[in-house]
């Protein structure tokens, strides 16, 4: 079985996100840097302003995070949890049903895409 427990990673770009340096993260990604954010722990992190296009955020933990206004429409969120997160204005992938999003927001379930 694969361990998908959310982790605090050592990746430099992940560290920028944890420190609230969203603009620097976006800039470095636009300049071609990549990072592994799968199963990352974003608990209580303010990610407002994040350019999430093309990111694989599967199995991430966003409990109590500020996700307001983020466009996740081209982001992989399979298995992630958004329990208690601020999601006003978030654009989720069309594959995620409103029910999955609500269950994750209210109960912390991991979001599953429609088959």
PDB file of N, CA and C in Angstrom:
ATOM      1  N   UNK A   1       0.835  -1.184   0.000  1.00  0.00           N
ATOM      2  CA  UNK A   1       0.000   0.000   0.000  1.00  0.00           C
ATOM      3  C   UNK A   1       0.882   1.251   0.000  1.00  0.00           C
ATOM      4  N   UNK A   2       0.471   2.251  -0.754  1.00  0.00           N
ATOM      5  CA  UNK A   2       1.220   3.495  -0.861  1.00  0.00           C
ATOM      6  C   UNK A   2       0.906   4.380   0.341  1.00  0.00           C
ATOM      7  N   UNK A   3       1.958   4.956   0.922  1.00  0.00           N
ATOM      8  CA  UNK A   3       1.771   5.872   2.050  1.00  0.00           C
ATOM      9  C   UNK A   3       1.482   7.262   1.489  1.00  0.00           C
ATOM     10  N   UNK A   4       0.256   7.732   1.672  1.00  0.00           N
ATOM     11  CA  UNK A   4      -0.102   9.063   1.182  1.00  0.00           C
ATOM     12  C   UNK A   4      -0.411  10.004   2.347  1.00  0.00           C
ATOM     13  N   UNK A   5       0.244   9.768   3.475  1.00  0.00           N
ATOM     14  CA  UNK A   5       0.094  10.638   4.630  1.00  0.00           C
ATOM     15  C   UNK A   5       0.720  11.995   4.314  1.00  0.00           C
ATOM     16  N   UNK A   6      -0.006  13.088   4.516  1.00  0.00           N
ATOM     17  CA  UNK A   6       0.555  14.413   4.228  1.00  0.00           C
ATOM     18  C   UNK A   6       1.850  14.667   5.007  1.00  0.00           C
ATOM     19  N   UNK A   7       2.827  15.263   4.309  1.00  0.00           N
ATOM     20  CA  UNK A   7       4.154  15.467   4.881  1.00  0.00           C
ATOM     21  C   UNK A   7       4.606  16.914   4.736  1.00  0.00           C
ATOM     22  N   UNK A   8       5.392  17.353   5.693  1.00  0.00           N
ATOM     23  CA  UNK A   8       6.102  18.616   5.552  1.00  0.00           C
ATOM     24  C   UNK A   8       7.364  18.263   4.784  1.00  0.00           C
ATOM     25  N   UNK A   9       7.475  18.786   3.573  1.00  0.00           N
ATOM     26  CA  UNK A   9       8.562  18.398   2.668  1.00  0.00           C
ATOM     27  C   UNK A   9       9.767  19.331   2.797  1.00  0.00           C
ATOM     28  N   UNK A  10      10.878  18.874   2.261  1.00  0.00           N
ATOM     29  CA  UNK A  10      12.104  19.664   2.291  1.00  0.00           C
ATOM     30  C   UNK A  10      12.314  20.457   0.998  1.00  0.00           C
ATOM     31  N   UNK A  11      11.479  20.259   0.003  1.00  0.00           N
ATOM     32  CA  UNK A  11      11.585  20.943  -1.281  1.00  0.00           C
ATOM     33  C   UNK A  11      11.579  22.459  -1.084  1.00  0.00           C
ATOM     34  N   UNK A  12      12.482  23.156  -1.756  1.00  0.00           N
ATOM     35  CA  UNK A  12      12.616  24.604  -1.578  1.00  0.00           C
ATOM     36  C   UNK A  12      11.362  25.362  -2.009  1.00  0.00           C
ATOM     37  N   UNK A  13      10.725  24.957  -3.113  1.00  0.00           N
ATOM     38  CA  UNK A  13       9.517  25.648  -3.554  1.00  0.00           C
ATOM     39  C   UNK A  13       8.348  25.395  -2.594  1.00  0.00           C
ATOM     40  N   UNK A  14       8.272  24.202  -2.042  1.00  0.00           N
ATOM     41  CA  UNK A  14       7.255  23.907  -1.028  1.00  0.00           C
ATOM     42  C   UNK A  14       7.472  24.820   0.186  1.00  0.00           C
ATOM     43  N   UNK A  15       8.705  24.990   0.597  1.00  0.00           N
ATOM     44  CA  UNK A  15       9.028  25.850   1.734  1.00  0.00           C
ATOM     45  C   UNK A  15       8.554  27.291   1.479  1.00  0.00           C
ATOM     46  N   UNK A  16       8.705  27.766   0.242  1.00  0.00           N
ATOM     47  CA  UNK A  16       8.230  29.112  -0.100  1.00  0.00           C
ATOM     48  C   UNK A  16       6.720  29.239   0.154  1.00  0.00           C
ATOM     49  N   UNK A  17       5.971  28.219  -0.223  1.00  0.00           N
ATOM     50  CA  UNK A  17       4.525  28.237   0.004  1.00  0.00           C
ATOM     51  C   UNK A  17       4.205  28.258   1.492  1.00  0.00           C
ATOM     52  N   UNK A  18       4.899  27.449   2.272  1.00  0.00           N
ATOM     53  CA  UNK A  18       4.656  27.394   3.720  1.00  0.00           C
ATOM     54  C   UNK A  18       4.982  28.726   4.387  1.00  0.00           C
ATOM     55  N   UNK A  19       5.934  29.471   3.805  1.00  0.00           N
ATOM     56  CA  UNK A  19       6.335  30.763   4.365  1.00  0.00           C
ATOM     57  C   UNK A  19       5.503  31.922   3.824  1.00  0.00           C
ATOM     58  N   UNK A  20       4.518  31.628   2.962  1.00  0.00           N
ATOM     59  CA  UNK A  20       3.660  32.671   2.421  1.00  0.00           C
ATOM     60  C   UNK A  20       4.266  33.459   1.280  1.00  0.00           C
ATOM     61  N   UNK A  21       5.318  32.952   0.683  1.00  0.00           N
ATOM     62  CA  UNK A  21       5.986  33.640  -0.428  1.00  0.00           C
ATOM     63  C   UNK A  21       5.419  33.141  -1.755  1.00  0.00           C
ATOM     64  N   UNK A  22       4.120  33.387  -1.936  1.00  0.00           N
ATOM     65  CA  UNK A  22       3.376  32.875  -3.083  1.00  0.00           C
ATOM     66  C   UNK A  22       3.874  33.491  -4.390  1.00  0.00           C
ATOM     67  N   UNK A  23       4.109  34.791  -4.410  1.00  0.00           N
ATOM     68  CA  UNK A  23       4.566  35.463  -5.624  1.00  0.00           C
ATOM     69  C   UNK A  23       5.911  34.901  -6.082  1.00  0.00           C
ATOM     70  N   UNK A  24       6.826  34.659  -5.140  1.00  0.00           N
ATOM     71  CA  UNK A  24       8.123  34.087  -5.499  1.00  0.00           C
ATOM     72  C   UNK A  24       7.957  32.665  -6.023  1.00  0.00           C
ATOM     73  N   UNK A  25       7.088  31.871  -5.392  1.00  0.00           N
ATOM     74  CA  UNK A  25       6.810  30.523  -5.871  1.00  0.00           C
ATOM     75  C   UNK A  25       6.293  30.568  -7.310  1.00  0.00           C
ATOM     76  N   UNK A  26       5.287  31.424  -7.556  1.00  0.00           N
ATOM     77  CA  UNK A  26       4.716  31.535  -8.898  1.00  0.00           C
ATOM     78  C   UNK A  26       5.768  31.940  -9.913  1.00  0.00           C
ATOM     79  N   UNK A  27       6.594  32.890  -9.563  1.00  0.00           N
ATOM     80  CA  UNK A  27       7.638  33.380 -10.464  1.00  0.00           C
ATOM     81  C   UNK A  27       8.647  32.284 -10.797  1.00  0.00           C
ATOM     82  N   UNK A  28       9.078  31.567  -9.806  1.00  0.00           N
ATOM     83  CA  UNK A  28      10.073  30.512 -10.035  1.00  0.00           C
ATOM     84  C   UNK A  28       9.498  29.379 -10.864  1.00  0.00           C
ATOM     85  N   UNK A  29       8.222  29.063 -10.663  1.00  0.00           N
ATOM     86  CA  UNK A  29       7.574  28.045 -11.501  1.00  0.00           C
ATOM     87  C   UNK A  29       7.468  28.525 -12.939  1.00  0.00           C
ATOM     88  N   UNK A  30       7.113  29.801 -13.130  1.00  0.00           N
ATOM     89  CA  UNK A  30       7.006  30.362 -14.477  1.00  0.00           C
ATOM     90  C   UNK A  30       8.353  30.346 -15.185  1.00  0.00           C
ATOM     91  N   UNK A  31       9.440  30.380 -14.413  1.00  0.00           N
ATOM     92  CA  UNK A  31      10.789  30.319 -14.977  1.00  0.00           C
ATOM     93  C   UNK A  31      11.300  28.897 -15.149  1.00  0.00           C
ATOM     94  N   UNK A  32      10.413  27.911 -14.988  1.00  0.00           N
ATOM     95  CA  UNK A  32      10.756  26.538 -15.297  1.00  0.00           C
ATOM     96  C   UNK A  32      11.110  25.626 -14.147  1.00  0.00           C
ATOM     97  N   UNK A  33      11.136  26.144 -12.915  1.00  0.00           N
ATOM     98  CA  UNK A  33      11.439  25.268 -11.780  1.00  0.00           C
ATOM     99  C   UNK A  33      10.250  24.367 -11.488  1.00  0.00           C
ATOM    100  N   UNK A  34      10.539  23.167 -11.058  1.00  0.00           N
ATOM    101  CA  UNK A  34       9.470  22.229 -10.723  1.00  0.00           C
ATOM    102  C   UNK A  34       9.629  21.777  -9.279  1.00  0.00           C
ATOM    103  N   UNK A  35       8.564  21.188  -8.769  1.00  0.00           N
ATOM    104  CA  UNK A  35       8.603  20.694  -7.402  1.00  0.00           C
ATOM    105  C   UNK A  35       7.606  19.555  -7.244  1.00  0.00           C
ATOM    106  N   UNK A  36       7.836  18.755  -6.225  1.00  0.00           N
ATOM    107  CA  UNK A  36       6.939  17.646  -5.920  1.00  0.00           C
ATOM    108  C   UNK A  36       6.087  18.048  -4.726  1.00  0.00           C
ATOM    109  N   UNK A  37       4.807  18.270  -4.982  1.00  0.00           N
ATOM    110  CA  UNK A  37       3.898  18.679  -3.910  1.00  0.00           C
ATOM    111  C   UNK A  37       2.887  17.593  -3.561  1.00  0.00           C
ATOM    112  N   UNK A  38       3.031  16.411  -4.127  1.00  0.00           N
ATOM    113  CA  UNK A  38       2.107  15.325  -3.810  1.00  0.00           C
ATOM    114  C   UNK A  38       2.180  15.014  -2.322  1.00  0.00           C
ATOM    115  N   UNK A  39       1.015  14.823  -1.725  1.00  0.00           N
ATOM    116  CA  UNK A  39       0.899  14.452  -0.306  1.00  0.00           C
ATOM    117  C   UNK A  39       1.559  15.468   0.624  1.00  0.00           C
ATOM    118  N   UNK A  40       1.534  16.738   0.227  1.00  0.00           N
ATOM    119  CA  UNK A  40       2.137  17.789   1.060  1.00  0.00           C
ATOM    120  C   UNK A  40       1.153  18.266   2.119  1.00  0.00           C
ATOM    121  N   UNK A  41       1.679  18.694   3.240  1.00  0.00           N
ATOM    122  CA  UNK A  41       0.887  19.218   4.345  1.00  0.00           C
ATOM    123  C   UNK A  41       0.835  20.739   4.223  1.00  0.00           C
ATOM    124  N   UNK A  42      -0.362  21.262   3.922  1.00  0.00           N
ATOM    125  CA  UNK A  42      -0.581  22.698   3.819  1.00  0.00           C
ATOM    126  C   UNK A  42      -1.518  23.186   4.924  1.00  0.00           C
ATOM    127  N   UNK A  43      -1.529  22.494   6.031  1.00  0.00           N
ATOM    128  CA  UNK A  43      -2.404  22.847   7.156  1.00  0.00           C
ATOM    129  C   UNK A  43      -2.148  24.289   7.598  1.00  0.00           C
ATOM    130  N   UNK A  44      -3.220  25.096   7.659  1.00  0.00           N
ATOM    131  CA  UNK A  44      -3.179  26.496   8.108  1.00  0.00           C
ATOM    132  C   UNK A  44      -2.306  27.406   7.252  1.00  0.00           C
ATOM    133  N   UNK A  45      -2.037  27.051   6.009  1.00  0.00           N
ATOM    134  CA  UNK A  45      -1.194  27.861   5.134  1.00  0.00           C
ATOM    135  C   UNK A  45      -2.070  28.775   4.276  1.00  0.00           C
ATOM    136  N   UNK A  46      -1.657  30.025   4.128  1.00  0.00           N
ATOM    137  CA  UNK A  46      -2.361  30.985   3.280  1.00  0.00           C
ATOM    138  C   UNK A  46      -1.800  30.859   1.868  1.00  0.00           C
ATOM    139  N   UNK A  47      -2.585  30.270   0.965  1.00  0.00           N
ATOM    140  CA  UNK A  47      -2.146  30.049  -0.411  1.00  0.00           C
ATOM    141  C   UNK A  47      -2.822  30.996  -1.396  1.00  0.00           C
ATOM    142  N   UNK A  48      -3.521  31.995  -0.881  1.00  0.00           N
ATOM    143  CA  UNK A  48      -4.223  32.948  -1.742  1.00  0.00           C
ATOM    144  C   UNK A  48      -3.235  33.551  -2.743  1.00  0.00           C
ATOM    145  N   UNK A  49      -3.611  33.534  -4.034  1.00  0.00           N
ATOM    146  CA  UNK A  49      -2.752  34.061  -5.084  1.00  0.00           C
ATOM    147  C   UNK A  49      -1.934  32.999  -5.782  1.00  0.00           C
ATOM    148  N   UNK A  50      -2.025  31.755  -5.332  1.00  0.00           N
ATOM    149  CA  UNK A  50      -1.271  30.664  -5.933  1.00  0.00           C
ATOM    150  C   UNK A  50      -1.715  30.407  -7.362  1.00  0.00           C
ATOM    151  N   UNK A  51      -0.759  30.286  -8.278  1.00  0.00           N
ATOM    152  CA  UNK A  51      -1.040  29.835  -9.636  1.00  0.00           C
ATOM    153  C   UNK A  51      -0.921  28.318  -9.602  1.00  0.00           C
ATOM    154  N   UNK A  52      -2.062  27.637  -9.533  1.00  0.00           N
ATOM    155  CA  UNK A  52      -2.088  26.184  -9.350  1.00  0.00           C
ATOM    156  C   UNK A  52      -2.156  25.413 -10.662  1.00  0.00           C
ATOM    157  N   UNK A  53      -2.149  26.106 -11.779  1.00  0.00           N
ATOM    158  CA  UNK A  53      -2.275  25.423 -13.064  1.00  0.00           C
ATOM    159  C   UNK A  53      -1.153  24.400 -13.256  1.00  0.00           C
ATOM    160  N   UNK A  54      -1.565  23.163 -13.538  1.00  0.00           N
ATOM    161  CA  UNK A  54      -0.607  22.096 -13.824  1.00  0.00           C
ATOM    162  C   UNK A  54      -0.001  21.432 -12.604  1.00  0.00           C
ATOM    163  N   UNK A  55      -0.347  21.866 -11.406  1.00  0.00           N
ATOM    164  CA  UNK A  55       0.226  21.256 -10.204  1.00  0.00           C
ATOM    165  C   UNK A  55      -0.469  19.938  -9.877  1.00  0.00           C
ATOM    166  N   UNK A  56       0.295  18.995  -9.365  1.00  0.00           N
ATOM    167  CA  UNK A  56      -0.256  17.753  -8.848  1.00  0.00           C
ATOM    168  C   UNK A  56      -0.302  17.885  -7.332  1.00  0.00           C
ATOM    169  N   UNK A  57      -1.483  18.167  -6.815  1.00  0.00           N
ATOM    170  CA  UNK A  57      -1.683  18.337  -5.377  1.00  0.00           C
ATOM    171  C   UNK A  57      -2.473  17.157  -4.814  1.00  0.00           C
ATOM    172  N   UNK A  58      -2.305  16.000  -5.427  1.00  0.00           N
ATOM    173  CA  UNK A  58      -3.025  14.820  -4.954  1.00  0.00           C
ATOM    174  C   UNK A  58      -2.562  14.452  -3.552  1.00  0.00           C
ATOM    175  N   UNK A  59      -3.521  14.016  -2.750  1.00  0.00           N
ATOM    176  CA  UNK A  59      -3.299  13.562  -1.372  1.00  0.00           C
ATOM    177  C   UNK A  59      -2.785  14.658  -0.439  1.00  0.00           C
ATOM    178  N   UNK A  60      -2.980  15.916  -0.801  1.00  0.00           N
ATOM    179  CA  UNK A  60      -2.546  17.022   0.061  1.00  0.00           C
ATOM    180  C   UNK A  60      -3.556  17.277   1.174  1.00  0.00           C
ATOM    181  N   UNK A  61      -3.096  17.932   2.207  1.00  0.00           N
ATOM    182  CA  UNK A  61      -3.885  18.226   3.389  1.00  0.00           C
ATOM    183  C   UNK A  61      -3.976  19.741   3.526  1.00  0.00           C
ATOM    184  N   UNK A  62      -5.181  20.294   3.277  1.00  0.00           N
ATOM    185  CA  UNK A  62      -5.401  21.736   3.290  1.00  0.00           C
ATOM    186  C   UNK A  62      -6.263  22.185   4.474  1.00  0.00           C
ATOM    187  N   UNK A  63      -6.241  21.456   5.565  1.00  0.00           N
ATOM    188  CA  UNK A  63      -7.091  21.793   6.718  1.00  0.00           C
ATOM    189  C   UNK A  63      -6.843  23.233   7.166  1.00  0.00           C
ATOM    190  N   UNK A  64      -7.925  24.011   7.254  1.00  0.00           N
ATOM    191  CA  UNK A  64      -7.915  25.394   7.729  1.00  0.00           C
ATOM    192  C   UNK A  64      -7.037  26.324   6.887  1.00  0.00           C
ATOM    193  N   UNK A  65      -6.751  25.963   5.660  1.00  0.00           N
ATOM    194  CA  UNK A  65      -5.934  26.795   4.779  1.00  0.00           C
ATOM    195  C   UNK A  65      -6.774  27.873   4.105  1.00  0.00           C
ATOM    196  N   UNK A  66      -6.116  28.937   3.660  1.00  0.00           N
ATOM    197  CA  UNK A  66      -6.784  29.987   2.906  1.00  0.00           C
ATOM    198  C   UNK A  66      -6.560  29.688   1.425  1.00  0.00           C
ATOM    199  N   UNK A  67      -7.598  29.204   0.767  1.00  0.00           N
ATOM    200  CA  UNK A  67      -7.533  28.862  -0.653  1.00  0.00           C
ATOM    201  C   UNK A  67      -8.355  29.840  -1.488  1.00  0.00           C
ATOM    202  N   UNK A  68      -8.800  30.932  -0.890  1.00  0.00           N
ATOM    203  CA  UNK A  68      -9.714  31.860  -1.561  1.00  0.00           C
ATOM    204  C   UNK A  68      -9.187  32.324  -2.919  1.00  0.00           C
ATOM    205  N   UNK A  69     -10.079  32.174  -3.918  1.00  0.00           N
ATOM    206  CA  UNK A  69      -9.805  32.697  -5.253  1.00  0.00           C
ATOM    207  C   UNK A  69      -8.871  31.859  -6.109  1.00  0.00           C
ATOM    208  N   UNK A  70      -8.408  30.726  -5.640  1.00  0.00           N
ATOM    209  CA  UNK A  70      -7.472  29.912  -6.430  1.00  0.00           C
ATOM    210  C   UNK A  70      -8.217  29.167  -7.526  1.00  0.00           C
ATOM    211  N   UNK A  71      -7.633  29.147  -8.713  1.00  0.00           N
ATOM    212  CA  UNK A  71      -8.186  28.399  -9.840  1.00  0.00           C
ATOM    213  C   UNK A  71      -7.514  27.026  -9.866  1.00  0.00           C
ATOM    214  N   UNK A  72      -8.237  26.015  -9.363  1.00  0.00           N
ATOM    215  CA  UNK A  72      -7.749  24.639  -9.352  1.00  0.00           C
ATOM    216  C   UNK A  72      -8.270  23.853 -10.557  1.00  0.00           C
ATOM    217  N   UNK A  73      -8.862  24.529 -11.546  1.00  0.00           N
ATOM    218  CA  UNK A  73      -9.514  23.827 -12.646  1.00  0.00           C
ATOM    219  C   UNK A  73      -8.558  22.937 -13.436  1.00  0.00           C
ATOM    220  N   UNK A  74      -7.286  23.256 -13.446  1.00  0.00           N
ATOM    221  CA  UNK A  74      -6.291  22.453 -14.172  1.00  0.00           C
ATOM    222  C   UNK A  74      -5.250  21.903 -13.208  1.00  0.00           C
ATOM    223  N   UNK A  75      -5.739  21.492 -12.032  1.00  0.00           N
ATOM    224  CA  UNK A  75      -4.895  20.981 -10.961  1.00  0.00           C
ATOM    225  C   UNK A  75      -5.411  19.606 -10.550  1.00  0.00           C
ATOM    226  N   UNK A  76      -4.512  18.705 -10.197  1.00  0.00           N
ATOM    227  CA  UNK A  76      -4.920  17.394  -9.705  1.00  0.00           C
ATOM    228  C   UNK A  76      -5.106  17.490  -8.194  1.00  0.00           C
ATOM    229  N   UNK A  77      -6.333  17.221  -7.736  1.00  0.00           N
ATOM    230  CA  UNK A  77      -6.656  17.283  -6.310  1.00  0.00           C
ATOM    231  C   UNK A  77      -7.139  15.937  -5.771  1.00  0.00           C
ATOM    232  N   UNK A  78      -7.022  14.886  -6.556  1.00  0.00           N
ATOM    233  CA  UNK A  78      -7.481  13.550  -6.169  1.00  0.00           C
ATOM    234  C   UNK A  78      -6.903  13.166  -4.806  1.00  0.00           C
ATOM    235  N   UNK A  79      -7.776  12.815  -3.865  1.00  0.00           N
ATOM    236  CA  UNK A  79      -7.339  12.352  -2.553  1.00  0.00           C
ATOM    237  C   UNK A  79      -6.985  13.447  -1.566  1.00  0.00           C
ATOM    238  N   UNK A  80      -7.141  14.698  -1.954  1.00  0.00           N
ATOM    239  CA  UNK A  80      -6.829  15.805  -1.041  1.00  0.00           C
ATOM    240  C   UNK A  80      -8.009  16.094  -0.131  1.00  0.00           C
ATOM    241  N   UNK A  81      -7.721  16.750   0.997  1.00  0.00           N
ATOM    242  CA  UNK A  81      -8.740  17.113   1.969  1.00  0.00           C
ATOM    243  C   UNK A  81      -8.677  18.611   2.237  1.00  0.00           C
ATOM    244  N   UNK A  82      -9.861  19.250   2.282  1.00  0.00           N
ATOM    245  CA  UNK A  82      -9.936  20.700   2.496  1.00  0.00           C
ATOM    246  C   UNK A  82     -10.728  21.037   3.761  1.00  0.00           C
ATOM    247  N   UNK A  83     -10.696  20.182   4.753  1.00  0.00           N
ATOM    248  CA  UNK A  83     -11.507  20.361   5.959  1.00  0.00           C
ATOM    249  C   UNK A  83     -11.309  21.745   6.576  1.00  0.00           C
ATOM    250  N   UNK A  84     -12.398  22.495   6.682  1.00  0.00           N
ATOM    251  CA  UNK A  84     -12.357  23.798   7.327  1.00  0.00           C
ATOM    252  C   UNK A  84     -11.630  24.886   6.568  1.00  0.00           C
ATOM    253  N   UNK A  85     -11.255  24.638   5.327  1.00  0.00           N
ATOM    254  CA  UNK A  85     -10.512  25.633   4.548  1.00  0.00           C
ATOM    255  C   UNK A  85     -11.429  26.769   4.094  1.00  0.00           C
ATOM    256  N   UNK A  86     -10.822  27.903   3.808  1.00  0.00           N
ATOM    257  CA  UNK A  86     -11.554  29.036   3.235  1.00  0.00           C
ATOM    258  C   UNK A  86     -11.540  28.848   1.725  1.00  0.00           C
ATOM    259  N   UNK A  87     -12.729  28.647   1.126  1.00  0.00           N
ATOM    260  CA  UNK A  87     -12.776  28.313  -0.297  1.00  0.00           C
ATOM    261  C   UNK A  87     -13.605  29.289  -1.124  1.00  0.00           C
ATOM    262  N   UNK A  88     -13.878  30.460  -0.599  1.00  0.00           N
ATOM    263  CA  UNK A  88     -14.652  31.448  -1.340  1.00  0.00           C
ATOM    264  C   UNK A  88     -13.959  31.769  -2.664  1.00  0.00           C
ATOM    265  N   UNK A  89     -14.700  31.654  -3.749  1.00  0.00           N
ATOM    266  CA  UNK A  89     -14.165  31.991  -5.066  1.00  0.00           C
ATOM    267  C   UNK A  89     -13.250  30.959  -5.687  1.00  0.00           C
ATOM    268  N   UNK A  90     -13.114  29.795  -5.067  1.00  0.00           N
ATOM    269  CA  UNK A  90     -12.258  28.744  -5.624  1.00  0.00           C
ATOM    270  C   UNK A  90     -12.945  28.109  -6.820  1.00  0.00           C
ATOM    271  N   UNK A  91     -12.165  27.853  -7.851  1.00  0.00           N
ATOM    272  CA  UNK A  91     -12.647  27.169  -9.045  1.00  0.00           C
ATOM    273  C   UNK A  91     -12.064  25.761  -9.003  1.00  0.00           C
ATOM    274  N   UNK A  92     -12.911  24.765  -8.728  1.00  0.00           N
ATOM    275  CA  UNK A  92     -12.480  23.373  -8.617  1.00  0.00           C
ATOM    276  C   UNK A  92     -12.526  22.676  -9.978  1.00  0.00           C
ATOM    277  N   UNK A  93     -11.783  21.586 -10.137  1.00  0.00           N
ATOM    278  CA  UNK A  93     -11.860  20.810 -11.383  1.00  0.00           C
ATOM    279  C   UNK A  93     -13.292  20.316 -11.609  1.00  0.00           C
ATOM    280  N   UNK A  94     -13.739  20.297 -12.854  1.00  0.00           N
ATOM    281  CA  UNK A  94     -15.102  19.868 -13.158  1.00  0.00           C
ATOM    282  C   UNK A  94     -15.330  18.409 -12.773  1.00  0.00           C
ATOM    283  N   UNK A  95     -14.264  17.633 -12.659  1.00  0.00           N
ATOM    284  CA  UNK A  95     -14.381  16.225 -12.286  1.00  0.00           C
ATOM    285  C   UNK A  95     -14.803  16.035 -10.829  1.00  0.00           C
ATOM    286  N   UNK A  96     -14.636  17.065 -10.016  1.00  0.00           N
ATOM    287  CA  UNK A  96     -15.036  16.988  -8.609  1.00  0.00           C
ATOM    288  C   UNK A  96     -16.480  17.455  -8.465  1.00  0.00           C
ATOM    289  N   UNK A  97     -17.316  16.607  -7.899  1.00  0.00           N
ATOM    290  CA  UNK A  97     -18.709  16.985  -7.702  1.00  0.00           C
ATOM    291  C   UNK A  97     -18.818  17.929  -6.493  1.00  0.00           C
ATOM    292  N   UNK A  98     -19.887  18.693  -6.481  1.00  0.00           N
ATOM    293  CA  UNK A  98     -20.138  19.594  -5.348  1.00  0.00           C
ATOM    294  C   UNK A  98     -20.253  18.794  -4.059  1.00  0.00           C
ATOM    295  N   UNK A  99     -20.830  17.609  -4.132  1.00  0.00           N
ATOM    296  CA  UNK A  99     -20.982  16.764  -2.950  1.00  0.00           C
ATOM    297  C   UNK A  99     -19.615  16.351  -2.384  1.00  0.00           C
ATOM    298  N   UNK A 100     -18.680  15.968  -3.249  1.00  0.00           N
ATOM    299  CA  UNK A 100     -17.333  15.595  -2.801  1.00  0.00           C
ATOM    300  C   UNK A 100     -16.658  16.777  -2.110  1.00  0.00           C
ATOM    301  N   UNK A 101     -16.792  17.956  -2.700  1.00  0.00           N
ATOM    302  CA  UNK A 101     -16.177  19.158  -2.139  1.00  0.00           C
ATOM    303  C   UNK A 101     -16.781  19.466  -0.769  1.00  0.00           C
ATOM    304  N   UNK A 102     -18.087  19.405  -0.675  1.00  0.00           N
ATOM    305  CA  UNK A 102     -18.767  19.689   0.588  1.00  0.00           C
ATOM    306  C   UNK A 102     -18.412  18.673   1.673  1.00  0.00           C
ATOM    307  N   UNK A 103     -18.362  17.387   1.321  1.00  0.00           N
ATOM    308  CA  UNK A 103     -17.988  16.358   2.294  1.00  0.00           C
ATOM    309  C   UNK A 103     -16.567  16.593   2.814  1.00  0.00           C
ATOM    310  N   UNK A 104     -15.678  16.978   1.917  1.00  0.00           N
ATOM    311  CA  UNK A 104     -14.304  17.233   2.330  1.00  0.00           C
ATOM    312  C   UNK A 104     -14.221  18.478   3.208  1.00  0.00           C
ATOM    313  N   UNK A 105     -14.944  19.520   2.825  1.00  0.00           N
ATOM    314  CA  UNK A 105     -14.926  20.774   3.575  1.00  0.00           C
ATOM    315  C   UNK A 105     -15.488  20.593   4.982  1.00  0.00           C
ATOM    316  N   UNK A 106     -16.591  19.864   5.099  1.00  0.00           N
ATOM    317  CA  UNK A 106     -17.267  19.734   6.390  1.00  0.00           C
ATOM    318  C   UNK A 106     -16.767  18.571   7.247  1.00  0.00           C
ATOM    319  N   UNK A 107     -16.302  17.493   6.614  1.00  0.00           N
ATOM    320  CA  UNK A 107     -15.942  16.294   7.368  1.00  0.00           C
ATOM    321  C   UNK A 107     -14.503  15.839   7.163  1.00  0.00           C
ATOM    322  N   UNK A 108     -13.783  16.479   6.268  1.00  0.00           N
ATOM    323  CA  UNK A 108     -12.383  16.129   6.051  1.00  0.00           C
ATOM    324  C   UNK A 108     -12.149  14.908   5.188  1.00  0.00           C
ATOM    325  N   UNK A 109     -13.179  14.450   4.474  1.00  0.00           N
ATOM    326  CA  UNK A 109     -12.966  13.305   3.593  1.00  0.00           C
ATOM    327  C   UNK A 109     -12.029  13.673   2.455  1.00  0.00           C
ATOM    328  N   UNK A 110     -11.387  12.673   1.912  1.00  0.00           N
ATOM    329  CA  UNK A 110     -10.519  12.903   0.757  1.00  0.00           C
ATOM    330  C   UNK A 110     -11.383  12.970  -0.499  1.00  0.00           C
ATOM    331  N   UNK A 111     -11.129  13.960  -1.343  1.00  0.00           N
ATOM    332  CA  UNK A 111     -11.945  14.167  -2.526  1.00  0.00           C
ATOM    333  C   UNK A 111     -11.632  13.124  -3.601  1.00  0.00           C
ATOM    334  N   UNK A 112     -12.709  12.594  -4.191  1.00  0.00           N
ATOM    335  CA  UNK A 112     -12.590  11.588  -5.245  1.00  0.00           C
ATOM    336  C   UNK A 112     -13.221  12.133  -6.507  1.00  0.00           C
ATOM    337  N   UNK A 113     -12.565  11.909  -7.614  1.00  0.00           N
ATOM    338  CA  UNK A 113     -13.090  12.367  -8.906  1.00  0.00           C
ATOM    339  C   UNK A 113     -14.187  11.449  -9.393  1.00  0.00           C
ATOM    340  N   UNK A 114     -15.099  12.006 -10.200  1.00  0.00           N
ATOM    341  CA  UNK A 114     -16.145  11.198 -10.835  1.00  0.00           C
ATOM    342  C   UNK A 114     -15.498  10.194 -11.762  1.00  0.00           C
ATOM    343  N   UNK A 115     -16.106   9.016 -11.845  1.00  0.00           N
ATOM    344  CA  UNK A 115     -15.598   7.973 -12.754  1.00  0.00           C
ATOM    345  C   UNK A 115     -16.047   8.221 -14.161  1.00  0.00           C
TER     346      UNK A 115
END
